[in-house]
């Protein structure tokens, strides 16, 4: 099963939001070792932060970034978020129902 990893790389100029892909068994999420391999494959040499399992620090003084923070692990589970703009638009376009006779 695919897991899309949404993460932020803290560059000195400005943070950059990126995504990576890890294959995991159904119903599982990637572990720290899988995340490290994914980051290494993307050219980021990092180690996990001792206090935060979703934060990674560069392993060298030549890195152009100060941290990598995992924001979301998307394993395809459906999640609902209400789209308030769509709801307002539909309320304006749909005919109003009359109550009472």
PDB file of N, CA and C in Angstrom:
ATOM      1  N   UNK A   1       0.837  -1.167   0.000  1.00  0.00           N
ATOM      2  CA  UNK A   1       0.000   0.000   0.000  1.00  0.00           C
ATOM      3  C   UNK A   1       0.885   1.234   0.000  1.00  0.00           C
ATOM      4  N   UNK A   2       0.428   2.268  -0.671  1.00  0.00           N
ATOM      5  CA  UNK A   2       1.188   3.509  -0.753  1.00  0.00           C
ATOM      6  C   UNK A   2       0.893   4.420   0.430  1.00  0.00           C
ATOM      7  N   UNK A   3       1.922   5.107   0.877  1.00  0.00           N
ATOM      8  CA  UNK A   3       1.773   6.134   1.912  1.00  0.00           C
ATOM      9  C   UNK A   3       2.444   7.393   1.378  1.00  0.00           C
ATOM     10  N   UNK A   4       1.652   8.447   1.213  1.00  0.00           N
ATOM     11  CA  UNK A   4       2.197   9.726   0.776  1.00  0.00           C
ATOM     12  C   UNK A   4       2.584  10.507   2.025  1.00  0.00           C
ATOM     13  N   UNK A   5       3.837  10.896   2.086  1.00  0.00           N
ATOM     14  CA  UNK A   5       4.372  11.624   3.231  1.00  0.00           C
ATOM     15  C   UNK A   5       4.430  13.107   2.865  1.00  0.00           C
ATOM     16  N   UNK A   6       3.661  13.926   3.555  1.00  0.00           N
ATOM     17  CA  UNK A   6       3.685  15.374   3.363  1.00  0.00           C
ATOM     18  C   UNK A   6       4.628  15.943   4.412  1.00  0.00           C
ATOM     19  N   UNK A   7       5.624  16.714   3.963  1.00  0.00           N
ATOM     20  CA  UNK A   7       6.593  17.245   4.917  1.00  0.00           C
ATOM     21  C   UNK A   7       7.054  18.636   4.510  1.00  0.00           C
ATOM     22  N   UNK A   8       7.627  19.334   5.482  1.00  0.00           N
ATOM     23  CA  UNK A   8       8.146  20.679   5.269  1.00  0.00           C
ATOM     24  C   UNK A   8       9.646  20.664   5.505  1.00  0.00           C
ATOM     25  N   UNK A   9      10.382  21.257   4.563  1.00  0.00           N
ATOM     26  CA  UNK A   9      11.832  21.399   4.705  1.00  0.00           C
ATOM     27  C   UNK A   9      12.094  22.852   5.074  1.00  0.00           C
ATOM     28  N   UNK A  10      12.719  23.064   6.216  1.00  0.00           N
ATOM     29  CA  UNK A  10      12.991  24.414   6.710  1.00  0.00           C
ATOM     30  C   UNK A  10      14.262  24.976   6.118  1.00  0.00           C
ATOM     31  N   UNK A  11      14.151  25.603   4.952  1.00  0.00           N
ATOM     32  CA  UNK A  11      15.297  26.288   4.336  1.00  0.00           C
ATOM     33  C   UNK A  11      15.482  27.649   4.990  1.00  0.00           C
ATOM     34  N   UNK A  12      16.671  28.169   4.900  1.00  0.00           N
ATOM     35  CA  UNK A  12      16.944  29.465   5.528  1.00  0.00           C
ATOM     36  C   UNK A  12      16.106  30.582   4.912  1.00  0.00           C
ATOM     37  N   UNK A  13      15.882  30.535   3.605  1.00  0.00           N
ATOM     38  CA  UNK A  13      15.104  31.584   2.935  1.00  0.00           C
ATOM     39  C   UNK A  13      13.617  31.476   3.279  1.00  0.00           C
ATOM     40  N   UNK A  14      13.059  30.273   3.130  1.00  0.00           N
ATOM     41  CA  UNK A  14      11.632  30.060   3.405  1.00  0.00           C
ATOM     42  C   UNK A  14      11.364  28.558   3.457  1.00  0.00           C
ATOM     43  N   UNK A  15      10.398  28.120   4.263  1.00  0.00           N
ATOM     44  CA  UNK A  15      10.067  26.692   4.307  1.00  0.00           C
ATOM     45  C   UNK A  15       9.483  26.236   2.974  1.00  0.00           C
ATOM     46  N   UNK A  16       9.717  24.981   2.653  1.00  0.00           N
ATOM     47  CA  UNK A  16       9.244  24.415   1.397  1.00  0.00           C
ATOM     48  C   UNK A  16       8.466  23.148   1.705  1.00  0.00           C
ATOM     49  N   UNK A  17       7.223  23.066   1.218  1.00  0.00           N
ATOM     50  CA  UNK A  17       6.381  21.891   1.440  1.00  0.00           C
ATOM     51  C   UNK A  17       6.582  20.905   0.295  1.00  0.00           C
ATOM     52  N   UNK A  18       6.887  19.659   0.652  1.00  0.00           N
ATOM     53  CA  UNK A  18       7.144  18.613  -0.331  1.00  0.00           C
ATOM     54  C   UNK A  18       6.379  17.342   0.030  1.00  0.00           C
ATOM     55  N   UNK A  19       6.433  16.363  -0.886  1.00  0.00           N
ATOM     56  CA  UNK A  19       5.813  15.061  -0.649  1.00  0.00           C
ATOM     57  C   UNK A  19       6.777  13.965  -1.061  1.00  0.00           C
ATOM     58  N   UNK A  20       6.644  12.831  -0.395  1.00  0.00           N
ATOM     59  CA  UNK A  20       7.407  11.647  -0.739  1.00  0.00           C
ATOM     60  C   UNK A  20       6.487  10.441  -0.707  1.00  0.00           C
ATOM     61  N   UNK A  21       6.967   9.317  -1.209  1.00  0.00           N
ATOM     62  CA  UNK A  21       6.159   8.110  -1.292  1.00  0.00           C
ATOM     63  C   UNK A  21       6.894   6.949  -0.643  1.00  0.00           C
ATOM     64  N   UNK A  22       6.175   6.212   0.206  1.00  0.00           N
ATOM     65  CA  UNK A  22       6.708   5.014   0.862  1.00  0.00           C
ATOM     66  C   UNK A  22       5.669   3.914   0.700  1.00  0.00           C
ATOM     67  N   UNK A  23       6.126   2.699   0.436  1.00  0.00           N
ATOM     68  CA  UNK A  23       5.224   1.559   0.366  1.00  0.00           C
ATOM     69  C   UNK A  23       5.221   0.844   1.710  1.00  0.00           C
ATOM     70  N   UNK A  24       4.013   0.640   2.259  1.00  0.00           N
ATOM     71  CA  UNK A  24       3.852  -0.008   3.559  1.00  0.00           C
ATOM     72  C   UNK A  24       2.814  -1.127   3.435  1.00  0.00           C
ATOM     73  N   UNK A  25       2.767  -1.989   4.434  1.00  0.00           N
ATOM     74  CA  UNK A  25       1.737  -3.030   4.478  1.00  0.00           C
ATOM     75  C   UNK A  25       0.391  -2.384   4.788  1.00  0.00           C
ATOM     76  N   UNK A  26      -0.667  -3.010   4.320  1.00  0.00           N
ATOM     77  CA  UNK A  26      -2.020  -2.478   4.531  1.00  0.00           C
ATOM     78  C   UNK A  26      -2.283  -2.256   6.015  1.00  0.00           C
ATOM     79  N   UNK A  27      -2.825  -1.094   6.341  1.00  0.00           N
ATOM     80  CA  UNK A  27      -3.165  -0.766   7.723  1.00  0.00           C
ATOM     81  C   UNK A  27      -2.009  -0.264   8.562  1.00  0.00           C
ATOM     82  N   UNK A  28      -0.815  -0.174   7.991  1.00  0.00           N
ATOM     83  CA  UNK A  28       0.350   0.290   8.749  1.00  0.00           C
ATOM     84  C   UNK A  28       0.790   1.663   8.277  1.00  0.00           C
ATOM     85  N   UNK A  29       1.558   2.325   9.130  1.00  0.00           N
ATOM     86  CA  UNK A  29       2.180   3.593   8.779  1.00  0.00           C
ATOM     87  C   UNK A  29       3.688   3.390   8.775  1.00  0.00           C
ATOM     88  N   UNK A  30       4.423   4.207   8.041  1.00  0.00           N
ATOM     89  CA  UNK A  30       5.879   4.013   7.977  1.00  0.00           C
ATOM     90  C   UNK A  30       6.551   4.289   9.319  1.00  0.00           C
ATOM     91  N   UNK A  31       7.644   3.586   9.558  1.00  0.00           N
ATOM     92  CA  UNK A  31       8.412   3.818  10.777  1.00  0.00           C
ATOM     93  C   UNK A  31       9.550   4.800  10.474  1.00  0.00           C
ATOM     94  N   UNK A  32      10.306   5.144  11.490  1.00  0.00           N
ATOM     95  CA  UNK A  32      11.373   6.141  11.359  1.00  0.00           C
ATOM     96  C   UNK A  32      12.425   5.696  10.346  1.00  0.00           C
ATOM     97  N   UNK A  33      12.743   4.412  10.316  1.00  0.00           N
ATOM     98  CA  UNK A  33      13.752   3.905   9.377  1.00  0.00           C
ATOM     99  C   UNK A  33      13.301   4.084   7.933  1.00  0.00           C
ATOM    100  N   UNK A  34      12.033   3.834   7.652  1.00  0.00           N
ATOM    101  CA  UNK A  34      11.509   4.026   6.299  1.00  0.00           C
ATOM    102  C   UNK A  34      11.533   5.504   5.917  1.00  0.00           C
ATOM    103  N   UNK A  35      11.198   6.366   6.857  1.00  0.00           N
ATOM    104  CA  UNK A  35      11.250   7.798   6.585  1.00  0.00           C
ATOM    105  C   UNK A  35      12.681   8.247   6.302  1.00  0.00           C
ATOM    106  N   UNK A  36      13.635   7.747   7.084  1.00  0.00           N
ATOM    107  CA  UNK A  36      15.039   8.093   6.861  1.00  0.00           C
ATOM    108  C   UNK A  36      15.503   7.668   5.474  1.00  0.00           C
ATOM    109  N   UNK A  37      15.121   6.451   5.056  1.00  0.00           N
ATOM    110  CA  UNK A  37      15.502   5.975   3.714  1.00  0.00           C
ATOM    111  C   UNK A  37      14.870   6.829   2.623  1.00  0.00           C
ATOM    112  N   UNK A  38      13.611   7.231   2.810  1.00  0.00           N
ATOM    113  CA  UNK A  38      12.942   8.074   1.829  1.00  0.00           C
ATOM    114  C   UNK A  38      13.665   9.418   1.715  1.00  0.00           C
ATOM    115  N   UNK A  39      13.968  10.043   2.868  1.00  0.00           N
ATOM    116  CA  UNK A  39      14.665  11.326   2.848  1.00  0.00           C
ATOM    117  C   UNK A  39      16.040  11.194   2.196  1.00  0.00           C
ATOM    118  N   UNK A  40      16.741  10.117   2.500  1.00  0.00           N
ATOM    119  CA  UNK A  40      18.063   9.905   1.914  1.00  0.00           C
ATOM    120  C   UNK A  40      17.962   9.744   0.399  1.00  0.00           C
ATOM    121  N   UNK A  41      16.928   9.041  -0.055  1.00  0.00           N
ATOM    122  CA  UNK A  41      16.713   8.884  -1.489  1.00  0.00           C
ATOM    123  C   UNK A  41      16.418  10.198  -2.186  1.00  0.00           C
ATOM    124  N   UNK A  42      15.938  11.166  -1.430  1.00  0.00           N
ATOM    125  CA  UNK A  42      15.643  12.498  -1.978  1.00  0.00           C
ATOM    126  C   UNK A  42      16.824  13.447  -1.799  1.00  0.00           C
ATOM    127  N   UNK A  43      17.922  12.953  -1.232  1.00  0.00           N
ATOM    128  CA  UNK A  43      19.114  13.781  -1.065  1.00  0.00           C
ATOM    129  C   UNK A  43      19.235  14.474   0.274  1.00  0.00           C
ATOM    130  N   UNK A  44      18.374  14.146   1.226  1.00  0.00           N
ATOM    131  CA  UNK A  44      18.428  14.746   2.552  1.00  0.00           C
ATOM    132  C   UNK A  44      19.069  13.766   3.525  1.00  0.00           C
ATOM    133  N   UNK A  45      20.202  14.145   4.074  1.00  0.00           N
ATOM    134  CA  UNK A  45      20.889  13.345   5.092  1.00  0.00           C
ATOM    135  C   UNK A  45      20.445  13.855   6.454  1.00  0.00           C
ATOM    136  N   UNK A  46      19.589  13.079   7.128  1.00  0.00           N
ATOM    137  CA  UNK A  46      18.998  13.537   8.389  1.00  0.00           C
ATOM    138  C   UNK A  46      19.048  12.444   9.454  1.00  0.00           C
ATOM    139  N   UNK A  47      18.831  12.878  10.687  1.00  0.00           N
ATOM    140  CA  UNK A  47      18.661  11.973  11.818  1.00  0.00           C
ATOM    141  C   UNK A  47      17.399  12.401  12.551  1.00  0.00           C
ATOM    142  N   UNK A  48      16.690  11.456  13.196  1.00  0.00           N
ATOM    143  CA  UNK A  48      15.484  11.844  13.940  1.00  0.00           C
ATOM    144  C   UNK A  48      15.826  12.674  15.163  1.00  0.00           C
ATOM    145  N   UNK A  49      14.952  13.601  15.497  1.00  0.00           N
ATOM    146  CA  UNK A  49      15.106  14.415  16.694  1.00  0.00           C
ATOM    147  C   UNK A  49      14.795  13.547  17.908  1.00  0.00           C
ATOM    148  N   UNK A  50      15.540  13.705  18.981  1.00  0.00           N
ATOM    149  CA  UNK A  50      15.368  12.875  20.169  1.00  0.00           C
ATOM    150  C   UNK A  50      14.043  13.131  20.884  1.00  0.00           C
ATOM    151  N   UNK A  51      13.479  14.318  20.736  1.00  0.00           N
ATOM    152  CA  UNK A  51      12.278  14.681  21.476  1.00  0.00           C
ATOM    153  C   UNK A  51      11.001  14.639  20.662  1.00  0.00           C
ATOM    154  N   UNK A  52      11.124  14.619  19.327  1.00  0.00           N
ATOM    155  CA  UNK A  52       9.948  14.686  18.463  1.00  0.00           C
ATOM    156  C   UNK A  52      10.114  13.677  17.329  1.00  0.00           C
ATOM    157  N   UNK A  53       9.286  12.633  17.271  1.00  0.00           N
ATOM    158  CA  UNK A  53       9.469  11.585  16.256  1.00  0.00           C
ATOM    159  C   UNK A  53       9.138  12.044  14.834  1.00  0.00           C
ATOM    160  N   UNK A  54       8.502  13.191  14.664  1.00  0.00           N
ATOM    161  CA  UNK A  54       8.167  13.680  13.330  1.00  0.00           C
ATOM    162  C   UNK A  54       9.091  14.803  12.857  1.00  0.00           C
ATOM    163  N   UNK A  55      10.159  15.049  13.622  1.00  0.00           N
ATOM    164  CA  UNK A  55      11.119  16.095  13.288  1.00  0.00           C
ATOM    165  C   UNK A  55      12.470  15.448  13.005  1.00  0.00           C
ATOM    166  N   UNK A  56      13.133  15.911  11.953  1.00  0.00           N
ATOM    167  CA  UNK A  56      14.434  15.375  11.554  1.00  0.00           C
ATOM    168  C   UNK A  56      15.400  16.535  11.375  1.00  0.00           C
ATOM    169  N   UNK A  57      16.644  16.312  11.780  1.00  0.00           N
ATOM    170  CA  UNK A  57      17.689  17.340  11.712  1.00  0.00           C
ATOM    171  C   UNK A  57      18.776  16.905  10.727  1.00  0.00           C
ATOM    172  N   UNK A  58      19.402  17.858  10.017  1.00  0.00           N
ATOM    173  CA  UNK A  58      20.467  17.503   9.072  1.00  0.00           C
ATOM    174  C   UNK A  58      21.710  17.001   9.793  1.00  0.00           C
ATOM    175  N   UNK A  59      22.447  16.135   9.094  1.00  0.00           N
ATOM    176  CA  UNK A  59      23.661  15.553   9.677  1.00  0.00           C
ATOM    177  C   UNK A  59      24.906  16.161   9.069  1.00  0.00           C
ATOM    178  N   UNK A  60      25.108  17.372   9.109  1.00  0.00           N
ATOM    179  CA  UNK A  60      26.314  17.978   8.544  1.00  0.00           C
ATOM    180  C   UNK A  60      26.178  19.483   8.539  1.00  0.00           C
ATOM    181  N   UNK A  61      27.304  20.127   8.452  1.00  0.00           N
ATOM    182  CA  UNK A  61      27.300  21.588   8.470  1.00  0.00           C
ATOM    183  C   UNK A  61      27.037  22.194   7.106  1.00  0.00           C
ATOM    184  N   UNK A  62      27.073  21.389   6.045  1.00  0.00           N
ATOM    185  CA  UNK A  62      26.911  21.921   4.697  1.00  0.00           C
ATOM    186  C   UNK A  62      25.456  21.933   4.235  1.00  0.00           C
ATOM    187  N   UNK A  63      24.535  21.463   5.053  1.00  0.00           N
ATOM    188  CA  UNK A  63      23.123  21.411   4.658  1.00  0.00           C
ATOM    189  C   UNK A  63      22.562  22.824   4.497  1.00  0.00           C
ATOM    190  N   UNK A  64      21.697  22.988   3.505  1.00  0.00           N
ATOM    191  CA  UNK A  64      21.070  24.288   3.250  1.00  0.00           C
ATOM    192  C   UNK A  64      19.708  24.399   3.933  1.00  0.00           C
ATOM    193  N   UNK A  65      19.374  23.445   4.775  1.00  0.00           N
ATOM    194  CA  UNK A  65      18.100  23.434   5.489  1.00  0.00           C
ATOM    195  C   UNK A  65      18.387  23.173   6.965  1.00  0.00           C
ATOM    196  N   UNK A  66      17.446  23.558   7.830  1.00  0.00           N
ATOM    197  CA  UNK A  66      17.672  23.420   9.265  1.00  0.00           C
ATOM    198  C   UNK A  66      16.858  22.290   9.891  1.00  0.00           C
ATOM    199  N   UNK A  67      15.778  21.871   9.225  1.00  0.00           N
ATOM    200  CA  UNK A  67      14.959  20.785   9.757  1.00  0.00           C
ATOM    201  C   UNK A  67      14.070  20.223   8.657  1.00  0.00           C
ATOM    202  N   UNK A  68      13.513  19.047   8.923  1.00  0.00           N
ATOM    203  CA  UNK A  68      12.431  18.481   8.125  1.00  0.00           C
ATOM    204  C   UNK A  68      11.360  18.050   9.109  1.00  0.00           C
ATOM    205  N   UNK A  69      10.132  18.508   8.888  1.00  0.00           N
ATOM    206  CA  UNK A  69       9.004  18.172   9.756  1.00  0.00           C
ATOM    207  C   UNK A  69       7.970  17.407   8.941  1.00  0.00           C
ATOM    208  N   UNK A  70       7.607  16.196   9.386  1.00  0.00           N
ATOM    209  CA  UNK A  70       6.553  15.421   8.745  1.00  0.00           C
ATOM    210  C   UNK A  70       5.218  15.997   9.201  1.00  0.00           C
ATOM    211  N   UNK A  71       4.388  16.415   8.240  1.00  0.00           N
ATOM    212  CA  UNK A  71       3.107  17.043   8.551  1.00  0.00           C
ATOM    213  C   UNK A  71       1.950  16.061   8.507  1.00  0.00           C
ATOM    214  N   UNK A  72       2.010  15.120   7.563  1.00  0.00           N
ATOM    215  CA  UNK A  72       0.888  14.199   7.396  1.00  0.00           C
ATOM    216  C   UNK A  72       1.364  12.918   6.744  1.00  0.00           C
ATOM    217  N   UNK A  73       0.794  11.798   7.187  1.00  0.00           N
ATOM    218  CA  UNK A  73       1.015  10.498   6.560  1.00  0.00           C
ATOM    219  C   UNK A  73      -0.315  10.075   5.960  1.00  0.00           C
ATOM    220  N   UNK A  74      -0.398  10.095   4.643  1.00  0.00           N
ATOM    221  CA  UNK A  74      -1.641   9.792   3.938  1.00  0.00           C
ATOM    222  C   UNK A  74      -1.576   8.360   3.423  1.00  0.00           C
ATOM    223  N   UNK A  75      -2.309   7.457   4.105  1.00  0.00           N
ATOM    224  CA  UNK A  75      -2.334   6.046   3.694  1.00  0.00           C
ATOM    225  C   UNK A  75      -3.643   5.695   3.005  1.00  0.00           C
ATOM    226  N   UNK A  76      -4.337   6.710   2.509  1.00  0.00           N
ATOM    227  CA  UNK A  76      -5.540   6.476   1.735  1.00  0.00           C
ATOM    228  C   UNK A  76      -6.805   6.350   2.544  1.00  0.00           C
ATOM    229  N   UNK A  77      -6.740   6.578   3.835  1.00  0.00           N
ATOM    230  CA  UNK A  77      -7.945   6.530   4.648  1.00  0.00           C
ATOM    231  C   UNK A  77      -8.790   7.750   4.310  1.00  0.00           C
ATOM    232  N   UNK A  78     -10.055   7.519   4.099  1.00  0.00           N
ATOM    233  CA  UNK A  78     -10.939   8.610   3.731  1.00  0.00           C
ATOM    234  C   UNK A  78     -11.150   9.523   4.926  1.00  0.00           C
ATOM    235  N   UNK A  79     -11.057  10.809   4.688  1.00  0.00           N
ATOM    236  CA  UNK A  79     -11.313  11.765   5.754  1.00  0.00           C
ATOM    237  C   UNK A  79     -12.199  12.866   5.189  1.00  0.00           C
ATOM    238  N   UNK A  80     -13.010  13.386   6.030  1.00  0.00           N
ATOM    239  CA  UNK A  80     -13.994  14.378   5.607  1.00  0.00           C
ATOM    240  C   UNK A  80     -13.630  15.734   6.165  1.00  0.00           C
ATOM    241  N   UNK A  81     -13.642  16.723   5.295  1.00  0.00           N
ATOM    242  CA  UNK A  81     -13.537  18.102   5.732  1.00  0.00           C
ATOM    243  C   UNK A  81     -14.604  18.890   4.992  1.00  0.00           C
ATOM    244  N   UNK A  82     -15.351  19.644   5.731  1.00  0.00           N
ATOM    245  CA  UNK A  82     -16.445  20.401   5.137  1.00  0.00           C
ATOM    246  C   UNK A  82     -15.903  21.558   4.314  1.00  0.00           C
ATOM    247  N   UNK A  83     -16.414  21.683   3.103  1.00  0.00           N
ATOM    248  CA  UNK A  83     -16.042  22.775   2.222  1.00  0.00           C
ATOM    249  C   UNK A  83     -17.070  23.886   2.404  1.00  0.00           C
ATOM    250  N   UNK A  84     -16.744  24.868   3.225  1.00  0.00           N
ATOM    251  CA  UNK A  84     -17.714  25.917   3.553  1.00  0.00           C
ATOM    252  C   UNK A  84     -18.044  26.783   2.349  1.00  0.00           C
ATOM    253  N   UNK A  85     -17.087  26.997   1.457  1.00  0.00           N
ATOM    254  CA  UNK A  85     -17.364  27.795   0.260  1.00  0.00           C
ATOM    255  C   UNK A  85     -18.370  27.090  -0.644  1.00  0.00           C
ATOM    256  N   UNK A  86     -18.203  25.788  -0.820  1.00  0.00           N
ATOM    257  CA  UNK A  86     -19.142  25.020  -1.639  1.00  0.00           C
ATOM    258  C   UNK A  86     -20.524  25.013  -1.007  1.00  0.00           C
ATOM    259  N   UNK A  87     -20.581  24.889   0.296  1.00  0.00           N
ATOM    260  CA  UNK A  87     -21.860  24.880   0.996  1.00  0.00           C
ATOM    261  C   UNK A  87     -22.590  26.218   0.822  1.00  0.00           C
ATOM    262  N   UNK A  88     -21.876  27.327   0.943  1.00  0.00           N
ATOM    263  CA  UNK A  88     -22.487  28.642   0.754  1.00  0.00           C
ATOM    264  C   UNK A  88     -22.979  28.809  -0.680  1.00  0.00           C
ATOM    265  N   UNK A  89     -22.191  28.356  -1.650  1.00  0.00           N
ATOM    266  CA  UNK A  89     -22.578  28.460  -3.052  1.00  0.00           C
ATOM    267  C   UNK A  89     -23.836  27.652  -3.337  1.00  0.00           C
ATOM    268  N   UNK A  90     -23.891  26.433  -2.826  1.00  0.00           N
ATOM    269  CA  UNK A  90     -25.068  25.597  -3.030  1.00  0.00           C
ATOM    270  C   UNK A  90     -26.299  26.193  -2.373  1.00  0.00           C
ATOM    271  N   UNK A  91     -26.142  26.779  -1.210  1.00  0.00           N
ATOM    272  CA  UNK A  91     -27.276  27.427  -0.534  1.00  0.00           C
ATOM    273  C   UNK A  91     -27.824  28.587  -1.354  1.00  0.00           C
ATOM    274  N   UNK A  92     -26.964  29.274  -2.081  1.00  0.00           N
ATOM    275  CA  UNK A  92     -27.410  30.394  -2.914  1.00  0.00           C
ATOM    276  C   UNK A  92     -28.069  29.920  -4.206  1.00  0.00           C
ATOM    277  N   UNK A  93     -27.578  28.822  -4.778  1.00  0.00           N
ATOM    278  CA  UNK A  93     -28.074  28.364  -6.079  1.00  0.00           C
ATOM    279  C   UNK A  93     -29.312  27.486  -5.993  1.00  0.00           C
ATOM    280  N   UNK A  94     -29.419  26.694  -4.954  1.00  0.00           N
ATOM    281  CA  UNK A  94     -30.571  25.800  -4.832  1.00  0.00           C
ATOM    282  C   UNK A  94     -31.804  26.573  -4.408  1.00  0.00           C
ATOM    283  N   UNK A  95     -32.973  26.199  -4.964  1.00  0.00           N
ATOM    284  CA  UNK A  95     -34.197  26.908  -4.568  1.00  0.00           C
ATOM    285  C   UNK A  95     -34.478  26.686  -3.081  1.00  0.00           C
ATOM    286  N   UNK A  96     -34.999  27.723  -2.459  1.00  0.00           N
ATOM    287  CA  UNK A  96     -35.327  27.646  -1.033  1.00  0.00           C
ATOM    288  C   UNK A  96     -36.565  26.801  -0.847  1.00  0.00           C
ATOM    289  N   UNK A  97     -36.556  25.944   0.154  1.00  0.00           N
ATOM    290  CA  UNK A  97     -37.718  25.112   0.460  1.00  0.00           C
ATOM    291  C   UNK A  97     -38.647  25.907   1.345  1.00  0.00           C
ATOM    292  N   UNK A  98     -39.895  25.854   1.008  1.00  0.00           N
ATOM    293  CA  UNK A  98     -40.893  26.589   1.798  1.00  0.00           C
ATOM    294  C   UNK A  98     -41.437  25.667   2.886  1.00  0.00           C
ATOM    295  N   UNK A  99     -41.475  26.190   4.071  1.00  0.00           N
ATOM    296  CA  UNK A  99     -42.022  25.427   5.177  1.00  0.00           C
ATOM    297  C   UNK A  99     -43.385  25.998   5.525  1.00  0.00           C
ATOM    298  N   UNK A 100     -44.278  25.156   5.891  1.00  0.00           N
ATOM    299  CA  UNK A 100     -45.622  25.596   6.249  1.00  0.00           C
ATOM    300  C   UNK A 100     -46.562  25.543   5.040  1.00  0.00           C
ATOM    301  N   UNK A 101     -47.796  25.382   5.291  1.00  0.00           N
ATOM    302  CA  UNK A 101     -48.785  25.309   4.211  1.00  0.00           C
ATOM    303  C   UNK A 101     -49.726  26.455   4.219  1.00  0.00           C
TER     304      UNK A 101
END
